[in-house]
């Protein structure tokens, strides 16, 4: 969930910065007439990230033991790979 909050926070900060730039009359770098397409793509990306986070939360809630076991196994693998 911490990762999800971080992604949400970063997306909100980007949206806020774009809004401030527009209000100041300063177009963001590289903004052209095709910017509407970029905004649509950002909105779609935001929706996909939200869906991914919701699906991850649902899967973790449905299979908590498997999730903890998987995290433990991954931690062991990473620990062995990084140990010298």
PDB file of N, CA and C in Angstrom:
ATOM      1  N   UNK A   1       0.801  -1.186   0.000  1.00  0.00           N
ATOM      2  CA  UNK A   1       0.000   0.000   0.000  1.00  0.00           C
ATOM      3  C   UNK A   1       0.849   1.257   0.000  1.00  0.00           C
ATOM      4  N   UNK A   2       2.034   1.202   0.596  1.00  0.00           N
ATOM      5  CA  UNK A   2       2.904   2.368   0.624  1.00  0.00           C
ATOM      6  C   UNK A   2       3.294   2.781  -0.785  1.00  0.00           C
ATOM      7  N   UNK A   3       3.546   1.794  -1.627  1.00  0.00           N
ATOM      8  CA  UNK A   3       3.879   2.095  -3.014  1.00  0.00           C
ATOM      9  C   UNK A   3       2.701   2.774  -3.691  1.00  0.00           C
ATOM     10  N   UNK A   4       1.514   2.297  -3.443  1.00  0.00           N
ATOM     11  CA  UNK A   4       0.319   2.896  -4.026  1.00  0.00           C
ATOM     12  C   UNK A   4       0.134   4.330  -3.602  1.00  0.00           C
ATOM     13  N   UNK A   5       0.380   4.604  -2.332  1.00  0.00           N
ATOM     14  CA  UNK A   5       0.254   5.972  -1.847  1.00  0.00           C
ATOM     15  C   UNK A   5       1.316   6.850  -2.468  1.00  0.00           C
ATOM     16  N   UNK A   6       2.503   6.320  -2.666  1.00  0.00           N
ATOM     17  CA  UNK A   6       3.575   7.089  -3.288  1.00  0.00           C
ATOM     18  C   UNK A   6       3.206   7.430  -4.726  1.00  0.00           C
ATOM     19  N   UNK A   7       2.706   6.461  -5.468  1.00  0.00           N
ATOM     20  CA  UNK A   7       2.310   6.719  -6.853  1.00  0.00           C
ATOM     21  C   UNK A   7       1.181   7.735  -6.917  1.00  0.00           C
ATOM     22  N   UNK A   8       0.204   7.572  -6.041  1.00  0.00           N
ATOM     23  CA  UNK A   8      -0.910   8.519  -6.018  1.00  0.00           C
ATOM     24  C   UNK A   8      -0.416   9.915  -5.684  1.00  0.00           C
ATOM     25  N   UNK A   9       0.477  10.013  -4.714  1.00  0.00           N
ATOM     26  CA  UNK A   9       1.011  11.308  -4.315  1.00  0.00           C
ATOM     27  C   UNK A   9       1.758  11.967  -5.468  1.00  0.00           C
ATOM     28  N   UNK A  10       2.585  11.196  -6.161  1.00  0.00           N
ATOM     29  CA  UNK A  10       3.345  11.746  -7.287  1.00  0.00           C
ATOM     30  C   UNK A  10       2.417  12.197  -8.412  1.00  0.00           C
ATOM     31  N   UNK A  11       1.396  11.398  -8.720  1.00  0.00           N
ATOM     32  CA  UNK A  11       0.449  11.794  -9.763  1.00  0.00           C
ATOM     33  C   UNK A  11      -0.288  13.071  -9.369  1.00  0.00           C
ATOM     34  N   UNK A  12      -0.691  13.171  -8.104  1.00  0.00           N
ATOM     35  CA  UNK A  12      -1.365  14.384  -7.643  1.00  0.00           C
ATOM     36  C   UNK A  12      -0.452  15.600  -7.725  1.00  0.00           C
ATOM     37  N   UNK A  13       0.824  15.421  -7.401  1.00  0.00           N
ATOM     38  CA  UNK A  13       1.771  16.533  -7.489  1.00  0.00           C
ATOM     39  C   UNK A  13       1.960  16.983  -8.931  1.00  0.00           C
ATOM     40  N   UNK A  14       2.025  16.040  -9.855  1.00  0.00           N
ATOM     41  CA  UNK A  14       2.174  16.388 -11.274  1.00  0.00           C
ATOM     42  C   UNK A  14       0.945  17.143 -11.759  1.00  0.00           C
ATOM     43  N   UNK A  15      -0.232  16.671 -11.389  1.00  0.00           N
ATOM     44  CA  UNK A  15      -1.463  17.359 -11.787  1.00  0.00           C
ATOM     45  C   UNK A  15      -1.494  18.779 -11.228  1.00  0.00           C
ATOM     46  N   UNK A  16      -1.110  18.935  -9.959  1.00  0.00           N
ATOM     47  CA  UNK A  16      -1.113  20.255  -9.336  1.00  0.00           C
ATOM     48  C   UNK A  16      -0.129  21.190 -10.026  1.00  0.00           C
ATOM     49  N   UNK A  17       1.053  20.677 -10.371  1.00  0.00           N
ATOM     50  CA  UNK A  17       2.045  21.506 -11.061  1.00  0.00           C
ATOM     51  C   UNK A  17       1.542  21.935 -12.432  1.00  0.00           C
ATOM     52  N   UNK A  18       0.917  21.035 -13.172  1.00  0.00           N
ATOM     53  CA  UNK A  18       0.362  21.388 -14.480  1.00  0.00           C
ATOM     54  C   UNK A  18      -0.713  22.452 -14.338  1.00  0.00           C
ATOM     55  N   UNK A  19      -1.549  22.329 -13.318  1.00  0.00           N
ATOM     56  CA  UNK A  19      -2.600  23.326 -13.085  1.00  0.00           C
ATOM     57  C   UNK A  19      -1.995  24.694 -12.772  1.00  0.00           C
ATOM     58  N   UNK A  20      -0.954  24.713 -11.934  1.00  0.00           N
ATOM     59  CA  UNK A  20      -0.303  25.990 -11.603  1.00  0.00           C
ATOM     60  C   UNK A  20       0.308  26.634 -12.848  1.00  0.00           C
ATOM     61  N   UNK A  21       0.927  25.824 -13.696  1.00  0.00           N
ATOM     62  CA  UNK A  21       1.526  26.365 -14.911  1.00  0.00           C
ATOM     63  C   UNK A  21       0.461  26.942 -15.838  1.00  0.00           C
ATOM     64  N   UNK A  22      -0.637  26.236 -15.978  1.00  0.00           N
ATOM     65  CA  UNK A  22      -1.722  26.740 -16.845  1.00  0.00           C
ATOM     66  C   UNK A  22      -2.294  28.040 -16.303  1.00  0.00           C
ATOM     67  N   UNK A  23      -2.507  28.103 -14.972  1.00  0.00           N
ATOM     68  CA  UNK A  23      -3.051  29.312 -14.361  1.00  0.00           C
ATOM     69  C   UNK A  23      -2.111  30.499 -14.548  1.00  0.00           C
ATOM     70  N   UNK A  24      -0.817  30.235 -14.558  1.00  0.00           N
ATOM     71  CA  UNK A  24       0.164  31.297 -14.739  1.00  0.00           C
ATOM     72  C   UNK A  24       0.342  31.649 -16.216  1.00  0.00           C
ATOM     73  N   UNK A  25      -0.306  30.894 -17.100  1.00  0.00           N
ATOM     74  CA  UNK A  25      -0.193  31.160 -18.527  1.00  0.00           C
ATOM     75  C   UNK A  25       1.075  30.619 -19.141  1.00  0.00           C
ATOM     76  N   UNK A  26       1.744  29.736 -18.425  1.00  0.00           N
ATOM     77  CA  UNK A  26       2.991  29.150 -18.916  1.00  0.00           C
ATOM     78  C   UNK A  26       2.689  27.734 -19.392  1.00  0.00           C
ATOM     79  N   UNK A  27       2.843  27.472 -20.687  1.00  0.00           N
ATOM     80  CA  UNK A  27       2.611  26.101 -21.139  1.00  0.00           C
ATOM     81  C   UNK A  27       3.742  25.187 -20.675  1.00  0.00           C
ATOM     82  N   UNK A  28       3.413  23.986 -20.220  1.00  0.00           N
ATOM     83  CA  UNK A  28       4.466  23.041 -19.830  1.00  0.00           C
ATOM     84  C   UNK A  28       5.393  22.757 -21.003  1.00  0.00           C
ATOM     85  N   UNK A  29       6.628  22.417 -20.720  1.00  0.00           N
ATOM     86  CA  UNK A  29       7.620  22.148 -21.759  1.00  0.00           C
ATOM     87  C   UNK A  29       7.108  21.104 -22.735  1.00  0.00           C
ATOM     88  N   UNK A  30       7.193  21.421 -24.015  1.00  0.00           N
ATOM     89  CA  UNK A  30       6.796  20.469 -25.050  1.00  0.00           C
ATOM     90  C   UNK A  30       5.301  20.422 -25.324  1.00  0.00           C
ATOM     91  N   UNK A  31       4.519  21.284 -24.658  1.00  0.00           N
ATOM     92  CA  UNK A  31       3.075  21.243 -24.880  1.00  0.00           C
ATOM     93  C   UNK A  31       2.755  21.865 -26.237  1.00  0.00           C
ATOM     94  N   UNK A  32       1.988  21.145 -27.030  1.00  0.00           N
ATOM     95  CA  UNK A  32       1.592  21.603 -28.353  1.00  0.00           C
ATOM     96  C   UNK A  32       0.100  21.446 -28.503  1.00  0.00           C
ATOM     97  N   UNK A  33      -0.372  21.581 -29.739  1.00  0.00           N
ATOM     98  CA  UNK A  33      -1.796  21.399 -30.003  1.00  0.00           C
ATOM     99  C   UNK A  33      -2.228  19.968 -29.717  1.00  0.00           C
ATOM    100  N   UNK A  34      -1.295  19.039 -29.722  1.00  0.00           N
ATOM    101  CA  UNK A  34      -1.609  17.635 -29.454  1.00  0.00           C
ATOM    102  C   UNK A  34      -1.630  17.340 -27.959  1.00  0.00           C
ATOM    103  N   UNK A  35      -1.557  18.375 -27.140  1.00  0.00           N
ATOM    104  CA  UNK A  35      -1.503  18.168 -25.696  1.00  0.00           C
ATOM    105  C   UNK A  35      -2.753  17.476 -25.190  1.00  0.00           C
ATOM    106  N   UNK A  36      -3.881  17.673 -25.836  1.00  0.00           N
ATOM    107  CA  UNK A  36      -5.102  16.992 -25.426  1.00  0.00           C
ATOM    108  C   UNK A  36      -4.914  15.491 -25.436  1.00  0.00           C
ATOM    109  N   UNK A  37      -4.184  14.982 -26.424  1.00  0.00           N
ATOM    110  CA  UNK A  37      -3.899  13.556 -26.487  1.00  0.00           C
ATOM    111  C   UNK A  37      -3.031  13.108 -25.333  1.00  0.00           C
ATOM    112  N   UNK A  38      -2.096  13.955 -24.953  1.00  0.00           N
ATOM    113  CA  UNK A  38      -1.220  13.633 -23.823  1.00  0.00           C
ATOM    114  C   UNK A  38      -2.038  13.584 -22.541  1.00  0.00           C
ATOM    115  N   UNK A  39      -2.934  14.540 -22.379  1.00  0.00           N
ATOM    116  CA  UNK A  39      -3.767  14.564 -21.178  1.00  0.00           C
ATOM    117  C   UNK A  39      -4.651  13.324 -21.116  1.00  0.00           C
ATOM    118  N   UNK A  40      -5.144  12.904 -22.266  1.00  0.00           N
ATOM    119  CA  UNK A  40      -5.952  11.679 -22.316  1.00  0.00           C
ATOM    120  C   UNK A  40      -5.113  10.470 -21.932  1.00  0.00           C
ATOM    121  N   UNK A  41      -3.872  10.442 -22.397  1.00  0.00           N
ATOM    122  CA  UNK A  41      -2.985   9.322 -22.068  1.00  0.00           C
ATOM    123  C   UNK A  41      -2.645   9.316 -20.581  1.00  0.00           C
ATOM    124  N   UNK A  42      -2.437  10.485 -20.012  1.00  0.00           N
ATOM    125  CA  UNK A  42      -2.149  10.574 -18.574  1.00  0.00           C
ATOM    126  C   UNK A  42      -3.360  10.108 -17.774  1.00  0.00           C
ATOM    127  N   UNK A  43      -4.539  10.521 -18.196  1.00  0.00           N
ATOM    128  CA  UNK A  43      -5.758  10.091 -17.511  1.00  0.00           C
ATOM    129  C   UNK A  43      -5.918   8.575 -17.597  1.00  0.00           C
ATOM    130  N   UNK A  44      -5.638   8.009 -18.761  1.00  0.00           N
ATOM    131  CA  UNK A  44      -5.721   6.561 -18.937  1.00  0.00           C
ATOM    132  C   UNK A  44      -4.678   5.857 -18.069  1.00  0.00           C
ATOM    133  N   UNK A  45      -3.468   6.378 -18.017  1.00  0.00           N
ATOM    134  CA  UNK A  45      -2.422   5.805 -17.179  1.00  0.00           C
ATOM    135  C   UNK A  45      -2.828   5.857 -15.712  1.00  0.00           C
ATOM    136  N   UNK A  46      -3.397   6.967 -15.288  1.00  0.00           N
ATOM    137  CA  UNK A  46      -3.867   7.110 -13.914  1.00  0.00           C
ATOM    138  C   UNK A  46      -4.929   6.062 -13.606  1.00  0.00           C
ATOM    139  N   UNK A  47      -5.858   5.849 -14.526  1.00  0.00           N
ATOM    140  CA  UNK A  47      -6.911   4.853 -14.338  1.00  0.00           C
ATOM    141  C   UNK A  47      -6.309   3.451 -14.241  1.00  0.00           C
ATOM    142  N   UNK A  48      -5.341   3.147 -15.110  1.00  0.00           N
ATOM    143  CA  UNK A  48      -4.707   1.830 -15.093  1.00  0.00           C
ATOM    144  C   UNK A  48      -3.945   1.586 -13.786  1.00  0.00           C
ATOM    145  N   UNK A  49      -3.259   2.609 -13.278  1.00  0.00           N
ATOM    146  CA  UNK A  49      -2.533   2.473 -12.012  1.00  0.00           C
ATOM    147  C   UNK A  49      -3.520   2.228 -10.874  1.00  0.00           C
ATOM    148  N   UNK A  50      -4.617   2.972 -10.877  1.00  0.00           N
ATOM    149  CA  UNK A  50      -5.642   2.772  -9.841  1.00  0.00           C
ATOM    150  C   UNK A  50      -6.192   1.348  -9.888  1.00  0.00           C
ATOM    151  N   UNK A  51      -6.493   0.857 -11.092  1.00  0.00           N
ATOM    152  CA  UNK A  51      -6.993  -0.514 -11.246  1.00  0.00           C
ATOM    153  C   UNK A  51      -5.974  -1.529 -10.752  1.00  0.00           C
ATOM    154  N   UNK A  52      -4.710  -1.322 -11.087  1.00  0.00           N
ATOM    155  CA  UNK A  52      -3.648  -2.221 -10.654  1.00  0.00           C
ATOM    156  C   UNK A  52      -3.556  -2.265  -9.134  1.00  0.00           C
ATOM    157  N   UNK A  53      -3.617  -1.109  -8.503  1.00  0.00           N
ATOM    158  CA  UNK A  53      -3.544  -1.050  -7.043  1.00  0.00           C
ATOM    159  C   UNK A  53      -4.738  -1.740  -6.394  1.00  0.00           C
ATOM    160  N   UNK A  54      -5.925  -1.514  -6.945  1.00  0.00           N
ATOM    161  CA  UNK A  54      -7.116  -2.162  -6.403  1.00  0.00           C
ATOM    162  C   UNK A  54      -7.027  -3.676  -6.553  1.00  0.00           C
ATOM    163  N   UNK A  55      -6.571  -4.136  -7.716  1.00  0.00           N
ATOM    164  CA  UNK A  55      -6.428  -5.574  -7.934  1.00  0.00           C
ATOM    165  C   UNK A  55      -5.405  -6.175  -6.986  1.00  0.00           C
ATOM    166  N   UNK A  56      -4.301  -5.472  -6.760  1.00  0.00           N
ATOM    167  CA  UNK A  56      -3.281  -5.967  -5.836  1.00  0.00           C
ATOM    168  C   UNK A  56      -3.835  -6.059  -4.419  1.00  0.00           C
ATOM    169  N   UNK A  57      -4.567  -5.041  -4.001  1.00  0.00           N
ATOM    170  CA  UNK A  57      -5.158  -5.054  -2.665  1.00  0.00           C
ATOM    171  C   UNK A  57      -6.147  -6.205  -2.521  1.00  0.00           C
ATOM    172  N   UNK A  58      -6.968  -6.436  -3.541  1.00  0.00           N
ATOM    173  CA  UNK A  58      -7.936  -7.536  -3.501  1.00  0.00           C
ATOM    174  C   UNK A  58      -7.239  -8.881  -3.427  1.00  0.00           C
ATOM    175  N   UNK A  59      -6.195  -9.059  -4.232  1.00  0.00           N
ATOM    176  CA  UNK A  59      -5.467 -10.325  -4.244  1.00  0.00           C
ATOM    177  C   UNK A  59      -4.801 -10.582  -2.894  1.00  0.00           C
ATOM    178  N   UNK A  60      -4.203  -9.557  -2.316  1.00  0.00           N
ATOM    179  CA  UNK A  60      -3.556  -9.706  -1.005  1.00  0.00           C
ATOM    180  C   UNK A  60      -4.594 -10.042   0.055  1.00  0.00           C
ATOM    181  N   UNK A  61      -5.759  -9.389   0.003  1.00  0.00           N
ATOM    182  CA  UNK A  61      -6.810  -9.662   0.985  1.00  0.00           C
ATOM    183  C   UNK A  61      -7.365 -11.079   0.833  1.00  0.00           C
ATOM    184  N   UNK A  62      -7.444 -11.578  -0.388  1.00  0.00           N
ATOM    185  CA  UNK A  62      -7.976 -12.918  -0.634  1.00  0.00           C
ATOM    186  C   UNK A  62      -6.974 -14.008  -0.269  1.00  0.00           C
ATOM    187  N   UNK A  63      -5.678 -13.738  -0.376  1.00  0.00           N
ATOM    188  CA  UNK A  63      -4.642 -14.748  -0.159  1.00  0.00           C
ATOM    189  C   UNK A  63      -3.539 -14.207   0.751  1.00  0.00           C
ATOM    190  N   UNK A  64      -3.847 -13.899   2.005  1.00  0.00           N
ATOM    191  CA  UNK A  64      -2.821 -13.291   2.872  1.00  0.00           C
ATOM    192  C   UNK A  64      -1.651 -14.224   3.180  1.00  0.00           C
ATOM    193  N   UNK A  65      -1.920 -15.509   3.381  1.00  0.00           N
ATOM    194  CA  UNK A  65      -0.838 -16.438   3.718  1.00  0.00           C
ATOM    195  C   UNK A  65       0.113 -16.587   2.529  1.00  0.00           C
ATOM    196  N   UNK A  66      -0.423 -16.737   1.346  1.00  0.00           N
ATOM    197  CA  UNK A  66       0.412 -16.867   0.156  1.00  0.00           C
ATOM    198  C   UNK A  66       1.214 -15.589  -0.083  1.00  0.00           C
ATOM    199  N   UNK A  67       0.610 -14.465   0.204  1.00  0.00           N
ATOM    200  CA  UNK A  67       1.308 -13.190   0.031  1.00  0.00           C
ATOM    201  C   UNK A  67       2.497 -13.084   0.982  1.00  0.00           C
ATOM    202  N   UNK A  68       2.279 -13.429   2.237  1.00  0.00           N
ATOM    203  CA  UNK A  68       3.369 -13.359   3.217  1.00  0.00           C
ATOM    204  C   UNK A  68       4.449 -14.374   2.864  1.00  0.00           C
ATOM    205  N   UNK A  69       4.049 -15.581   2.469  1.00  0.00           N
ATOM    206  CA  UNK A  69       5.031 -16.604   2.096  1.00  0.00           C
ATOM    207  C   UNK A  69       5.835 -16.155   0.874  1.00  0.00           C
ATOM    208  N   UNK A  70       5.175 -15.566  -0.088  1.00  0.00           N
ATOM    209  CA  UNK A  70       5.869 -15.062  -1.275  1.00  0.00           C
ATOM    210  C   UNK A  70       6.830 -13.951  -0.939  1.00  0.00           C
ATOM    211  N   UNK A  71       6.411 -13.040  -0.066  1.00  0.00           N
ATOM    212  CA  UNK A  71       7.290 -11.943   0.343  1.00  0.00           C
ATOM    213  C   UNK A  71       8.502 -12.483   1.097  1.00  0.00           C
ATOM    214  N   UNK A  72       8.283 -13.480   1.946  1.00  0.00           N
ATOM    215  CA  UNK A  72       9.393 -14.095   2.674  1.00  0.00           C
ATOM    216  C   UNK A  72      10.371 -14.758   1.713  1.00  0.00           C
ATOM    217  N   UNK A  73       9.840 -15.522   0.769  1.00  0.00           N
ATOM    218  CA  UNK A  73      10.704 -16.196  -0.209  1.00  0.00           C
ATOM    219  C   UNK A  73      11.487 -15.176  -1.032  1.00  0.00           C
ATOM    220  N   UNK A  74      10.828 -14.117  -1.462  1.00  0.00           N
ATOM    221  CA  UNK A  74      11.510 -13.082  -2.235  1.00  0.00           C
ATOM    222  C   UNK A  74      12.605 -12.419  -1.404  1.00  0.00           C
ATOM    223  N   UNK A  75      12.324 -12.171  -0.117  1.00  0.00           N
ATOM    224  CA  UNK A  75      13.326 -11.584   0.766  1.00  0.00           C
ATOM    225  C   UNK A  75      14.542 -12.482   0.925  1.00  0.00           C
ATOM    226  N   UNK A  76      14.290 -13.783   1.036  1.00  0.00           N
ATOM    227  CA  UNK A  76      15.399 -14.735   1.160  1.00  0.00           C
ATOM    228  C   UNK A  76      16.259 -14.736  -0.110  1.00  0.00           C
ATOM    229  N   UNK A  77      15.584 -14.768  -1.259  1.00  0.00           N
ATOM    230  CA  UNK A  77      16.314 -14.762  -2.546  1.00  0.00           C
ATOM    231  C   UNK A  77      17.144 -13.499  -2.688  1.00  0.00           C
ATOM    232  N   UNK A  78      16.544 -12.358  -2.413  1.00  0.00           N
ATOM    233  CA  UNK A  78      17.282 -11.083  -2.522  1.00  0.00           C
ATOM    234  C   UNK A  78      18.432 -11.062  -1.538  1.00  0.00           C
ATOM    235  N   UNK A  79      18.202 -11.553  -0.315  1.00  0.00           N
ATOM    236  CA  UNK A  79      19.259 -11.590   0.671  1.00  0.00           C
ATOM    237  C   UNK A  79      20.434 -12.463   0.231  1.00  0.00           C
ATOM    238  N   UNK A  80      20.126 -13.573  -0.358  1.00  0.00           N
ATOM    239  CA  UNK A  80      21.211 -14.474  -0.817  1.00  0.00           C
ATOM    240  C   UNK A  80      21.953 -13.882  -2.016  1.00  0.00           C
ATOM    241  N   UNK A  81      21.226 -13.211  -2.884  1.00  0.00           N
ATOM    242  CA  UNK A  81      21.867 -12.611  -4.060  1.00  0.00           C
ATOM    243  C   UNK A  81      22.779 -11.447  -3.680  1.00  0.00           C
ATOM    244  N   UNK A  82      22.403 -10.728  -2.638  1.00  0.00           N
ATOM    245  CA  UNK A  82      23.188  -9.554  -2.260  1.00  0.00           C
ATOM    246  C   UNK A  82      24.279  -9.870  -1.242  1.00  0.00           C
ATOM    247  N   UNK A  83      24.238 -11.033  -0.610  1.00  0.00           N
ATOM    248  CA  UNK A  83      25.241 -11.399   0.373  1.00  0.00           C
ATOM    249  C   UNK A  83      26.548 -11.788  -0.335  1.00  0.00           C
ATOM    250  N   UNK A  84      27.635 -11.338   0.206  1.00  0.00           N
ATOM    251  CA  UNK A  84      28.944 -11.676  -0.391  1.00  0.00           C
ATOM    252  C   UNK A  84      29.785 -12.378   0.610  1.00  0.00           C
TER     253      UNK A  84
END
